[in-house]
């Protein structure tokens, strides 16, 4: 029964050691934000209402015909 306990100690030890290592530098998409001469993206105007749909209030349909249309077929 000493081998499973030894294995658990070794696995816990490797987890602790692995957590202490230095993390790699993150991969960036553009220049580093602290770079003073990095160019900025071009600003462009886009309306906040582009692609918006108009949802006007409509009168309700008669519920009986709608209910019959979606109800399971009678056998």
C-alpha atoms as a PDB file:
ATOM      1  CA  UNK A   1       0.000   0.000   0.000  1.00  0.00           C
ATOM      2  CA  UNK A   2       3.045   2.307  -0.026  1.00  0.00           C
ATOM      3  CA  UNK A   3       3.142   2.704  -3.803  1.00  0.00           C
ATOM      4  CA  UNK A   4      -0.229   4.536  -4.179  1.00  0.00           C
ATOM      5  CA  UNK A   5       0.705   6.916  -1.356  1.00  0.00           C
ATOM      6  CA  UNK A   6       4.118   7.559  -2.939  1.00  0.00           C
ATOM      7  CA  UNK A   7       2.461   8.148  -6.305  1.00  0.00           C
ATOM      8  CA  UNK A   8       0.040  10.646  -4.753  1.00  0.00           C
ATOM      9  CA  UNK A   9       2.926  12.521  -3.109  1.00  0.00           C
ATOM     10  CA  UNK A  10       4.851  12.644  -6.391  1.00  0.00           C
ATOM     11  CA  UNK A  11       1.829  13.888  -8.328  1.00  0.00           C
ATOM     12  CA  UNK A  12       1.122  16.575  -5.742  1.00  0.00           C
ATOM     13  CA  UNK A  13       4.767  17.631  -5.783  1.00  0.00           C
ATOM     14  CA  UNK A  14       4.862  17.965  -9.559  1.00  0.00           C
ATOM     15  CA  UNK A  15       1.695  20.063  -9.421  1.00  0.00           C
ATOM     16  CA  UNK A  16       3.274  22.451  -6.949  1.00  0.00           C
ATOM     17  CA  UNK A  17       6.506  22.690  -8.940  1.00  0.00           C
ATOM     18  CA  UNK A  18       4.641  23.212 -12.201  1.00  0.00           C
ATOM     19  CA  UNK A  19       2.643  26.051 -10.655  1.00  0.00           C
ATOM     20  CA  UNK A  20       5.833  27.898  -9.752  1.00  0.00           C
ATOM     21  CA  UNK A  21       7.235  28.143 -13.269  1.00  0.00           C
ATOM     22  CA  UNK A  22       7.183  31.382 -15.241  1.00  0.00           C
ATOM     23  CA  UNK A  23       4.257  31.801 -17.590  1.00  0.00           C
ATOM     24  CA  UNK A  24       4.961  32.320 -21.292  1.00  0.00           C
ATOM     25  CA  UNK A  25       4.361  35.748 -22.771  1.00  0.00           C
ATOM     26  CA  UNK A  26       0.832  36.023 -24.189  1.00  0.00           C
ATOM     27  CA  UNK A  27       0.461  36.078 -27.944  1.00  0.00           C
ATOM     28  CA  UNK A  28      -0.705  39.476 -29.110  1.00  0.00           C
ATOM     29  CA  UNK A  29      -2.572  40.467 -32.230  1.00  0.00           C
ATOM     30  CA  UNK A  30      -0.979  43.863 -32.754  1.00  0.00           C
ATOM     31  CA  UNK A  31       1.781  45.989 -31.313  1.00  0.00           C
ATOM     32  CA  UNK A  32       2.350  46.092 -27.597  1.00  0.00           C
ATOM     33  CA  UNK A  33       0.114  48.715 -25.891  1.00  0.00           C
ATOM     34  CA  UNK A  34       3.093  50.286 -24.131  1.00  0.00           C
ATOM     35  CA  UNK A  35       4.881  50.961 -27.449  1.00  0.00           C
ATOM     36  CA  UNK A  36       4.926  54.783 -27.776  1.00  0.00           C
ATOM     37  CA  UNK A  37       5.232  54.823 -31.583  1.00  0.00           C
ATOM     38  CA  UNK A  38       2.629  52.183 -32.332  1.00  0.00           C
ATOM     39  CA  UNK A  39       0.001  53.401 -34.755  1.00  0.00           C
ATOM     40  CA  UNK A  40      -3.638  53.563 -33.815  1.00  0.00           C
ATOM     41  CA  UNK A  41      -6.437  52.078 -35.900  1.00  0.00           C
ATOM     42  CA  UNK A  42      -8.479  54.281 -38.194  1.00  0.00           C
ATOM     43  CA  UNK A  43     -11.595  55.652 -36.479  1.00  0.00           C
ATOM     44  CA  UNK A  44     -14.805  55.226 -38.461  1.00  0.00           C
ATOM     45  CA  UNK A  45     -18.398  56.177 -37.858  1.00  0.00           C
ATOM     46  CA  UNK A  46     -21.048  53.503 -37.599  1.00  0.00           C
ATOM     47  CA  UNK A  47     -24.579  54.291 -36.533  1.00  0.00           C
ATOM     48  CA  UNK A  48     -25.854  52.366 -33.539  1.00  0.00           C
ATOM     49  CA  UNK A  49     -29.159  51.788 -35.324  1.00  0.00           C
ATOM     50  CA  UNK A  50     -27.648  50.049 -38.399  1.00  0.00           C
ATOM     51  CA  UNK A  51     -29.402  46.745 -39.026  1.00  0.00           C
ATOM     52  CA  UNK A  52     -32.151  47.469 -36.516  1.00  0.00           C
ATOM     53  CA  UNK A  53     -35.637  46.176 -37.279  1.00  0.00           C
ATOM     54  CA  UNK A  54     -38.853  47.990 -36.519  1.00  0.00           C
ATOM     55  CA  UNK A  55     -41.066  46.035 -34.118  1.00  0.00           C
ATOM     56  CA  UNK A  56     -44.452  47.706 -34.229  1.00  0.00           C
ATOM     57  CA  UNK A  57     -47.296  46.445 -32.088  1.00  0.00           C
ATOM     58  CA  UNK A  58     -49.652  44.269 -34.112  1.00  0.00           C
ATOM     59  CA  UNK A  59     -53.165  43.161 -33.341  1.00  0.00           C
ATOM     60  CA  UNK A  60     -53.431  39.599 -32.051  1.00  0.00           C
ATOM     61  CA  UNK A  61     -54.665  36.901 -34.412  1.00  0.00           C
ATOM     62  CA  UNK A  62     -57.674  34.801 -33.469  1.00  0.00           C
ATOM     63  CA  UNK A  63     -56.223  32.213 -31.126  1.00  0.00           C
ATOM     64  CA  UNK A  64     -58.559  29.399 -32.140  1.00  0.00           C
ATOM     65  CA  UNK A  65     -57.251  29.023 -35.693  1.00  0.00           C
ATOM     66  CA  UNK A  66     -53.648  29.398 -34.568  1.00  0.00           C
ATOM     67  CA  UNK A  67     -54.158  26.759 -31.875  1.00  0.00           C
ATOM     68  CA  UNK A  68     -55.724  24.331 -34.359  1.00  0.00           C
ATOM     69  CA  UNK A  69     -52.843  24.829 -36.782  1.00  0.00           C
ATOM     70  CA  UNK A  70     -50.134  23.949 -34.225  1.00  0.00           C
ATOM     71  CA  UNK A  71     -52.022  21.275 -32.301  1.00  0.00           C
ATOM     72  CA  UNK A  72     -51.122  17.595 -32.792  1.00  0.00           C
ATOM     73  CA  UNK A  73     -53.200  15.822 -35.400  1.00  0.00           C
ATOM     74  CA  UNK A  74     -56.095  13.745 -34.042  1.00  0.00           C
ATOM     75  CA  UNK A  75     -55.917  10.018 -34.723  1.00  0.00           C
END
